[in-house]
Amino acid sequence: MTNPLVSVIIPNYNYGASLGACIDAALAQTYQPLEVIVVDDHSTDNSVEIARQRNVRVLQTPRNSGVAVARNI
């Protein structure tokens, strides 16, 4: 029997300074299959670049809409 896919969803707005560590911690989990999705709420820092460097799925909102929208995209 195969394990079900687990999605780790990381809402983000201008947390580039800690986003890399957060993504790395999620990717270090031993459970498989695992996908990591960063939902960026139109950050103005380097958050999107940091997420893309780690080869995870990145979704971006067209404008800063708040955490509720980022969580429900």
PDB file of N, CA and C in Angstrom:
ATOM      1  N   MET A   1       0.841  -1.183   0.000  1.00  0.00           N
ATOM      2  CA  MET A   1       0.000   0.000   0.000  1.00  0.00           C
ATOM      3  C   MET A   1       0.887   1.248   0.000  1.00  0.00           C
ATOM      4  N   THR A   2       0.544   2.202  -0.851  1.00  0.00           N
ATOM      5  CA  THR A   2       1.340   3.428  -0.918  1.00  0.00           C
ATOM      6  C   THR A   2       0.776   4.481   0.027  1.00  0.00           C
ATOM      7  N   ASN A   3       1.658   5.326   0.487  1.00  0.00           N
ATOM      8  CA  ASN A   3       1.256   6.417   1.376  1.00  0.00           C
ATOM      9  C   ASN A   3       0.529   7.496   0.578  1.00  0.00           C
ATOM     10  N   PRO A   4      -0.439   8.178   1.183  1.00  0.00           N
ATOM     11  CA  PRO A   4      -1.088   9.294   0.494  1.00  0.00           C
ATOM     12  C   PRO A   4      -0.151  10.501   0.418  1.00  0.00           C
ATOM     13  N   LEU A   5      -0.335  11.291  -0.625  1.00  0.00           N
ATOM     14  CA  LEU A   5       0.442  12.516  -0.789  1.00  0.00           C
ATOM     15  C   LEU A   5       0.098  13.499   0.325  1.00  0.00           C
ATOM     16  N   VAL A   6       1.117  14.080   0.925  1.00  0.00           N
ATOM     17  CA  VAL A   6       0.937  15.130   1.927  1.00  0.00           C
ATOM     18  C   VAL A   6       1.466  16.430   1.329  1.00  0.00           C
ATOM     19  N   SER A   7       0.658  17.475   1.422  1.00  0.00           N
ATOM     20  CA  SER A   7       1.054  18.798   0.932  1.00  0.00           C
ATOM     21  C   SER A   7       1.353  19.705   2.116  1.00  0.00           C
ATOM     22  N   VAL A   8       2.525  20.308   2.099  1.00  0.00           N
ATOM     23  CA  VAL A   8       2.893  21.312   3.095  1.00  0.00           C
ATOM     24  C   VAL A   8       2.705  22.659   2.412  1.00  0.00           C
ATOM     25  N   ILE A   9       1.753  23.433   2.904  1.00  0.00           N
ATOM     26  CA  ILE A   9       1.425  24.724   2.305  1.00  0.00           C
ATOM     27  C   ILE A   9       1.987  25.818   3.210  1.00  0.00           C
ATOM     28  N   ILE A  10       2.820  26.680   2.633  1.00  0.00           N
ATOM     29  CA  ILE A  10       3.467  27.741   3.404  1.00  0.00           C
ATOM     30  C   ILE A  10       2.992  29.095   2.878  1.00  0.00           C
ATOM     31  N   PRO A  11       2.046  29.753   3.587  1.00  0.00           N
ATOM     32  CA  PRO A  11       1.677  31.115   3.203  1.00  0.00           C
ATOM     33  C   PRO A  11       2.833  32.059   3.558  1.00  0.00           C
ATOM     34  N   ASN A  12       3.085  33.044   2.710  1.00  0.00           N
ATOM     35  CA  ASN A  12       4.234  33.915   2.939  1.00  0.00           C
ATOM     36  C   ASN A  12       3.951  35.336   2.470  1.00  0.00           C
ATOM     37  N   TYR A  13       4.437  36.293   3.251  1.00  0.00           N
ATOM     38  CA  TYR A  13       4.462  37.691   2.824  1.00  0.00           C
ATOM     39  C   TYR A  13       5.692  38.345   3.445  1.00  0.00           C
ATOM     40  N   ASN A  14       6.684  38.598   2.614  1.00  0.00           N
ATOM     41  CA  ASN A  14       7.909  39.301   3.016  1.00  0.00           C
ATOM     42  C   ASN A  14       8.669  38.630   4.161  1.00  0.00           C
ATOM     43  N   TYR A  15       8.711  37.317   4.163  1.00  0.00           N
ATOM     44  CA  TYR A  15       9.505  36.601   5.162  1.00  0.00           C
ATOM     45  C   TYR A  15      10.694  35.895   4.510  1.00  0.00           C
ATOM     46  N   GLY A  16      11.283  36.536   3.527  1.00  0.00           N
ATOM     47  CA  GLY A  16      12.422  35.943   2.843  1.00  0.00           C
ATOM     48  C   GLY A  16      13.549  35.554   3.779  1.00  0.00           C
ATOM     49  N   ALA A  17      13.725  36.303   4.856  1.00  0.00           N
ATOM     50  CA  ALA A  17      14.813  36.026   5.802  1.00  0.00           C
ATOM     51  C   ALA A  17      14.673  34.665   6.464  1.00  0.00           C
ATOM     52  N   SER A  18      13.457  34.183   6.649  1.00  0.00           N
ATOM     53  CA  SER A  18      13.270  32.882   7.309  1.00  0.00           C
ATOM     54  C   SER A  18      12.594  31.847   6.415  1.00  0.00           C
ATOM     55  N   LEU A  19      12.162  32.243   5.237  1.00  0.00           N
ATOM     56  CA  LEU A  19      11.453  31.318   4.354  1.00  0.00           C
ATOM     57  C   LEU A  19      12.319  30.138   3.935  1.00  0.00           C
ATOM     58  N   GLY A  20      13.576  30.377   3.644  1.00  0.00           N
ATOM     59  CA  GLY A  20      14.466  29.290   3.234  1.00  0.00           C
ATOM     60  C   GLY A  20      14.564  28.205   4.284  1.00  0.00           C
ATOM     61  N   ALA A  21      14.727  28.597   5.535  1.00  0.00           N
ATOM     62  CA  ALA A  21      14.817  27.618   6.622  1.00  0.00           C
ATOM     63  C   ALA A  21      13.505  26.858   6.778  1.00  0.00           C
ATOM     64  N   CYS A  22      12.400  27.545   6.601  1.00  0.00           N
ATOM     65  CA  CYS A  22      11.089  26.902   6.703  1.00  0.00           C
ATOM     66  C   CYS A  22      10.917  25.853   5.601  1.00  0.00           C
ATOM     67  N   ILE A  23      11.249  26.214   4.375  1.00  0.00           N
ATOM     68  CA  ILE A  23      11.150  25.269   3.258  1.00  0.00           C
ATOM     69  C   ILE A  23      12.095  24.096   3.474  1.00  0.00           C
ATOM     70  N   ASP A  24      13.325  24.380   3.869  1.00  0.00           N
ATOM     71  CA  ASP A  24      14.301  23.309   4.099  1.00  0.00           C
ATOM     72  C   ASP A  24      13.810  22.329   5.158  1.00  0.00           C
ATOM     73  N   ALA A  25      13.186  22.842   6.213  1.00  0.00           N
ATOM     74  CA  ALA A  25      12.661  21.964   7.268  1.00  0.00           C
ATOM     75  C   ALA A  25      11.542  21.079   6.726  1.00  0.00           C
ATOM     76  N   ALA A  26      10.690  21.649   5.902  1.00  0.00           N
ATOM     77  CA  ALA A  26       9.609  20.851   5.312  1.00  0.00           C
ATOM     78  C   ALA A  26      10.176  19.772   4.392  1.00  0.00           C
ATOM     79  N   LEU A  27      11.150  20.135   3.584  1.00  0.00           N
ATOM     80  CA  LEU A  27      11.747  19.169   2.652  1.00  0.00           C
ATOM     81  C   LEU A  27      12.552  18.087   3.362  1.00  0.00           C
ATOM     82  N   ALA A  28      12.985  18.343   4.578  1.00  0.00           N
ATOM     83  CA  ALA A  28      13.791  17.373   5.331  1.00  0.00           C
ATOM     84  C   ALA A  28      12.947  16.274   5.976  1.00  0.00           C
ATOM     85  N   GLN A  29      11.638  16.392   5.896  1.00  0.00           N
ATOM     86  CA  GLN A  29      10.784  15.367   6.491  1.00  0.00           C
ATOM     87  C   GLN A  29      11.011  14.034   5.790  1.00  0.00           C
ATOM     88  N   THR A  30      10.903  12.962   6.526  1.00  0.00           N
ATOM     89  CA  THR A  30      11.163  11.639   5.955  1.00  0.00           C
ATOM     90  C   THR A  30       9.936  11.034   5.292  1.00  0.00           C
ATOM     91  N   TYR A  31       8.766  11.566   5.568  1.00  0.00           N
ATOM     92  CA  TYR A  31       7.545  11.041   4.969  1.00  0.00           C
ATOM     93  C   TYR A  31       7.558  11.299   3.465  1.00  0.00           C
ATOM     94  N   GLN A  32       7.156  10.310   2.714  1.00  0.00           N
ATOM     95  CA  GLN A  32       7.011  10.448   1.261  1.00  0.00           C
ATOM     96  C   GLN A  32       5.715   9.777   0.847  1.00  0.00           C
ATOM     97  N   PRO A  33       5.019  10.259  -0.143  1.00  0.00           N
ATOM     98  CA  PRO A  33       5.317  11.420  -0.981  1.00  0.00           C
ATOM     99  C   PRO A  33       4.910  12.726  -0.303  1.00  0.00           C
ATOM    100  N   LEU A  34       5.721  13.741  -0.558  1.00  0.00           N
ATOM    101  CA  LEU A  34       5.540  15.043   0.075  1.00  0.00           C
ATOM    102  C   LEU A  34       5.734  16.127  -0.973  1.00  0.00           C
ATOM    103  N   GLU A  35       4.846  17.099  -0.988  1.00  0.00           N
ATOM    104  CA  GLU A  35       5.034  18.262  -1.852  1.00  0.00           C
ATOM    105  C   GLU A  35       5.008  19.507  -0.980  1.00  0.00           C
ATOM    106  N   VAL A  36       5.797  20.493  -1.366  1.00  0.00           N
ATOM    107  CA  VAL A  36       5.840  21.760  -0.640  1.00  0.00           C
ATOM    108  C   VAL A  36       5.367  22.849  -1.600  1.00  0.00           C
ATOM    109  N   ILE A  37       4.392  23.618  -1.135  1.00  0.00           N
ATOM    110  CA  ILE A  37       3.833  24.704  -1.937  1.00  0.00           C
ATOM    111  C   ILE A  37       3.950  25.995  -1.133  1.00  0.00           C
ATOM    112  N   VAL A  38       4.593  26.995  -1.713  1.00  0.00           N
ATOM    113  CA  VAL A  38       4.680  28.314  -1.093  1.00  0.00           C
ATOM    114  C   VAL A  38       3.649  29.209  -1.778  1.00  0.00           C
ATOM    115  N   VAL A  39       2.768  29.793  -0.988  1.00  0.00           N
ATOM    116  CA  VAL A  39       1.788  30.748  -1.508  1.00  0.00           C
ATOM    117  C   VAL A  39       2.274  32.132  -1.102  1.00  0.00           C
ATOM    118  N   ASP A  40       2.780  32.860  -2.079  1.00  0.00           N
ATOM    119  CA  ASP A  40       3.339  34.177  -1.796  1.00  0.00           C
ATOM    120  C   ASP A  40       2.292  35.254  -2.040  1.00  0.00           C
ATOM    121  N   ASP A  41       2.045  36.064  -1.021  1.00  0.00           N
ATOM    122  CA  ASP A  41       1.014  37.099  -1.068  1.00  0.00           C
ATOM    123  C   ASP A  41       1.583  38.424  -1.569  1.00  0.00           C
ATOM    124  N   HIS A  42       2.186  38.366  -2.748  1.00  0.00           N
ATOM    125  CA  HIS A  42       2.728  39.549  -3.432  1.00  0.00           C
ATOM    126  C   HIS A  42       3.833  40.233  -2.620  1.00  0.00           C
ATOM    127  N   SER A  43       4.796  39.433  -2.172  1.00  0.00           N
ATOM    128  CA  SER A  43       5.923  39.969  -1.395  1.00  0.00           C
ATOM    129  C   SER A  43       6.720  40.980  -2.198  1.00  0.00           C
ATOM    130  N   THR A  44       7.338  41.904  -1.480  1.00  0.00           N
ATOM    131  CA  THR A  44       8.207  42.890  -2.115  1.00  0.00           C
ATOM    132  C   THR A  44       9.680  42.612  -1.816  1.00  0.00           C
ATOM    133  N   ASP A  45       9.950  41.536  -1.085  1.00  0.00           N
ATOM    134  CA  ASP A  45      11.339  41.156  -0.809  1.00  0.00           C
ATOM    135  C   ASP A  45      11.733  40.017  -1.757  1.00  0.00           C
ATOM    136  N   ASN A  46      12.733  39.262  -1.406  1.00  0.00           N
ATOM    137  CA  ASN A  46      13.247  38.194  -2.271  1.00  0.00           C
ATOM    138  C   ASN A  46      12.620  36.828  -1.979  1.00  0.00           C
ATOM    139  N   SER A  47      11.455  36.804  -1.385  1.00  0.00           N
ATOM    140  CA  SER A  47      10.814  35.543  -1.001  1.00  0.00           C
ATOM    141  C   SER A  47      10.611  34.590  -2.175  1.00  0.00           C
ATOM    142  N   VAL A  48      10.091  35.093  -3.278  1.00  0.00           N
ATOM    143  CA  VAL A  48       9.803  34.230  -4.429  1.00  0.00           C
ATOM    144  C   VAL A  48      11.092  33.629  -4.970  1.00  0.00           C
ATOM    145  N   GLU A  49      12.128  34.418  -5.061  1.00  0.00           N
ATOM    146  CA  GLU A  49      13.424  33.920  -5.537  1.00  0.00           C
ATOM    147  C   GLU A  49      13.945  32.813  -4.622  1.00  0.00           C
ATOM    148  N   ILE A  50      13.835  33.001  -3.325  1.00  0.00           N
ATOM    149  CA  ILE A  50      14.296  31.997  -2.361  1.00  0.00           C
ATOM    150  C   ILE A  50      13.519  30.702  -2.531  1.00  0.00           C
ATOM    151  N   ALA A  51      12.211  30.801  -2.676  1.00  0.00           N
ATOM    152  CA  ALA A  51      11.386  29.603  -2.854  1.00  0.00           C
ATOM    153  C   ALA A  51      11.742  28.885  -4.150  1.00  0.00           C
ATOM    154  N   ARG A  52      11.903  29.626  -5.220  1.00  0.00           N
ATOM    155  CA  ARG A  52      12.223  29.001  -6.516  1.00  0.00           C
ATOM    156  C   ARG A  52      13.603  28.350  -6.505  1.00  0.00           C
ATOM    157  N   GLN A  53      14.535  28.885  -5.754  1.00  0.00           N
ATOM    158  CA  GLN A  53      15.861  28.275  -5.649  1.00  0.00           C
ATOM    159  C   GLN A  53      15.786  26.891  -5.026  1.00  0.00           C
ATOM    160  N   ARG A  54      14.768  26.651  -4.238  1.00  0.00           N
ATOM    161  CA  ARG A  54      14.617  25.358  -3.566  1.00  0.00           C
ATOM    162  C   ARG A  54      13.722  24.410  -4.352  1.00  0.00           C
ATOM    163  N   ASN A  55      13.339  24.817  -5.531  1.00  0.00           N
ATOM    164  CA  ASN A  55      12.617  23.943  -6.455  1.00  0.00           C
ATOM    165  C   ASN A  55      11.310  23.408  -5.864  1.00  0.00           C
ATOM    166  N   VAL A  56      10.543  24.298  -5.249  1.00  0.00           N
ATOM    167  CA  VAL A  56       9.219  23.939  -4.753  1.00  0.00           C
ATOM    168  C   VAL A  56       8.188  24.696  -5.587  1.00  0.00           C
ATOM    169  N   ARG A  57       6.965  24.268  -5.498  1.00  0.00           N
ATOM    170  CA  ARG A  57       5.902  24.942  -6.244  1.00  0.00           C
ATOM    171  C   ARG A  57       5.627  26.297  -5.589  1.00  0.00           C
ATOM    172  N   VAL A  58       5.527  27.336  -6.413  1.00  0.00           N
ATOM    173  CA  VAL A  58       5.274  28.685  -5.911  1.00  0.00           C
ATOM    174  C   VAL A  58       4.019  29.233  -6.585  1.00  0.00           C
ATOM    175  N   LEU A  59       3.067  29.638  -5.772  1.00  0.00           N
ATOM    176  CA  LEU A  59       1.871  30.322  -6.259  1.00  0.00           C
ATOM    177  C   LEU A  59       1.939  31.753  -5.755  1.00  0.00           C
ATOM    178  N   GLN A  60       1.569  32.702  -6.609  1.00  0.00           N
ATOM    179  CA  GLN A  60       1.634  34.107  -6.224  1.00  0.00           C
ATOM    180  C   GLN A  60       0.269  34.767  -6.390  1.00  0.00           C
ATOM    181  N   THR A  61      -0.117  35.576  -5.421  1.00  0.00           N
ATOM    182  CA  THR A  61      -1.334  36.364  -5.562  1.00  0.00           C
ATOM    183  C   THR A  61      -1.010  37.601  -6.394  1.00  0.00           C
ATOM    184  N   PRO A  62      -1.972  38.109  -7.165  1.00  0.00           N
ATOM    185  CA  PRO A  62      -1.694  39.270  -8.018  1.00  0.00           C
ATOM    186  C   PRO A  62      -1.500  40.568  -7.239  1.00  0.00           C
ATOM    187  N   ARG A  63      -1.962  40.593  -5.989  1.00  0.00           N
ATOM    188  CA  ARG A  63      -1.764  41.762  -5.115  1.00  0.00           C
ATOM    189  C   ARG A  63      -1.802  41.271  -3.672  1.00  0.00           C
ATOM    190  N   ASN A  64      -1.277  42.053  -2.767  1.00  0.00           N
ATOM    191  CA  ASN A  64      -1.312  41.671  -1.359  1.00  0.00           C
ATOM    192  C   ASN A  64      -2.758  41.694  -0.883  1.00  0.00           C
ATOM    193  N   SER A  65      -3.239  40.525  -0.486  1.00  0.00           N
ATOM    194  CA  SER A  65      -4.654  40.382  -0.135  1.00  0.00           C
ATOM    195  C   SER A  65      -4.869  39.900   1.282  1.00  0.00           C
ATOM    196  N   GLY A  66      -3.805  39.619   1.993  1.00  0.00           N
ATOM    197  CA  GLY A  66      -3.940  39.151   3.368  1.00  0.00           C
ATOM    198  C   GLY A  66      -3.826  37.646   3.492  1.00  0.00           C
ATOM    199  N   VAL A  67      -3.602  37.215   4.709  1.00  0.00           N
ATOM    200  CA  VAL A  67      -3.314  35.808   4.979  1.00  0.00           C
ATOM    201  C   VAL A  67      -4.489  34.896   4.634  1.00  0.00           C
ATOM    202  N   ALA A  68      -5.718  35.363   4.800  1.00  0.00           N
ATOM    203  CA  ALA A  68      -6.872  34.509   4.497  1.00  0.00           C
ATOM    204  C   ALA A  68      -6.897  34.123   3.023  1.00  0.00           C
ATOM    205  N   VAL A  69      -6.624  35.068   2.148  1.00  0.00           N
ATOM    206  CA  VAL A  69      -6.592  34.768   0.715  1.00  0.00           C
ATOM    207  C   VAL A  69      -5.434  33.833   0.405  1.00  0.00           C
ATOM    208  N   ALA A  70      -4.277  34.092   0.982  1.00  0.00           N
ATOM    209  CA  ALA A  70      -3.116  33.228   0.743  1.00  0.00           C
ATOM    210  C   ALA A  70      -3.382  31.801   1.200  1.00  0.00           C
ATOM    211  N   ARG A  71      -4.141  31.636   2.257  1.00  0.00           N
ATOM    212  CA  ARG A  71      -4.449  30.294   2.762  1.00  0.00           C
ATOM    213  C   ARG A  71      -5.514  29.587   1.942  1.00  0.00           C
ATOM    214  N   ASN A  72      -6.275  30.325   1.179  1.00  0.00           N
ATOM    215  CA  ASN A  72      -7.396  29.741   0.448  1.00  0.00           C
ATOM    216  C   ASN A  72      -7.247  29.813  -1.064  1.00  0.00           C
ATOM    217  N   ILE A  73      -6.071  30.071  -1.543  1.00  0.00           N
ATOM    218  CA  ILE A  73      -5.851  30.190  -2.980  1.00  0.00           C
ATOM    219  C   ILE A  73      -6.045  28.854  -3.678  1.00  0.00           C
TER     220      ILE A  73
END
